[in-house]
């Protein structure tokens, strides 16, 4: 399970469209698992995706 960043952070990195696409697809799978674990739809999914992608991109 990926630990999600709690405090707001401004981070930018140059990544390719292919890298971002791969991260989004990976995040989708991980988020579905997260929703299954919490037992409901996550209405804040954009925030979850953003934090997940930042964490994976910077290996935080």
Protein backbone atom coordinates (compact mmCIF):
# COMPACT_ATOMS: atom_id res chain seq x y z
CA UNK A 1 0.00 0.00 0.00
CA UNK A 2 1.30 3.44 -0.89
CA UNK A 3 1.49 5.99 1.91
CA UNK A 4 -0.18 9.18 0.72
CA UNK A 5 1.47 12.55 1.39
CA UNK A 6 -0.49 14.55 3.99
CA UNK A 7 0.81 18.13 3.61
CA UNK A 8 0.57 20.24 0.45
CA UNK A 9 3.75 20.32 -1.61
CA UNK A 10 4.65 21.93 -4.91
CA UNK A 11 6.76 19.53 -6.94
CA UNK A 12 7.34 19.41 -10.68
CA UNK A 13 9.39 17.05 -12.80
CA UNK A 14 9.80 16.56 -16.51
CA UNK A 15 8.21 13.26 -17.46
CA UNK A 16 7.16 11.96 -20.82
CA UNK A 17 3.58 11.45 -21.89
CA UNK A 18 4.24 7.70 -21.88
CA UNK A 19 5.54 7.85 -18.30
CA UNK A 20 2.53 9.87 -17.17
CA UNK A 21 0.15 7.51 -18.96
CA UNK A 22 1.76 4.53 -17.22
CA UNK A 23 1.50 6.27 -13.83
CA UNK A 24 -2.17 7.12 -14.40
CA UNK A 25 -2.98 3.52 -15.33
CA UNK A 26 -1.08 2.27 -12.29
CA UNK A 27 -2.87 4.80 -10.08
CA UNK A 28 -6.25 3.66 -11.41
CA UNK A 29 -5.55 0.07 -10.36
CA UNK A 30 -4.19 1.11 -6.96
CA UNK A 31 -7.14 3.44 -6.38
CA UNK A 32 -9.67 0.71 -7.13
CA UNK A 33 -7.94 -1.43 -4.51
CA UNK A 34 -8.01 1.51 -2.08
CA UNK A 35 -11.76 2.00 -2.65
CA UNK A 36 -12.34 -1.72 -2.05
CA UNK A 37 -10.43 -1.44 1.23
CA UNK A 38 -12.43 1.58 2.45
CA UNK A 39 -15.68 0.09 1.17
CA UNK A 40 -16.98 3.15 -0.66
CA UNK A 41 -16.37 5.51 -3.58
CA UNK A 42 -13.63 8.06 -2.96
CA UNK A 43 -15.07 11.45 -3.90
CA UNK A 44 -11.62 13.02 -3.48
CA UNK A 45 -10.09 10.71 -6.10
CA UNK A 46 -8.30 13.55 -7.98
CA UNK A 47 -6.33 14.41 -4.84
CA UNK A 48 -5.57 10.73 -4.23
CA UNK A 49 -4.34 10.29 -7.82
CA UNK A 50 -2.18 13.43 -7.67
CA UNK A 51 -0.53 12.39 -4.40
CA UNK A 52 -0.01 8.84 -5.65
CA UNK A 53 1.64 10.02 -8.87
CA UNK A 54 3.91 12.50 -7.06
CA UNK A 55 4.94 9.81 -4.58
CA UNK A 56 5.70 7.31 -7.34
CA UNK A 57 7.48 9.89 -9.52
CA UNK A 58 9.81 10.99 -6.74
CA UNK A 59 9.89 7.65 -4.91
CA UNK A 60 8.93 9.39 -1.67
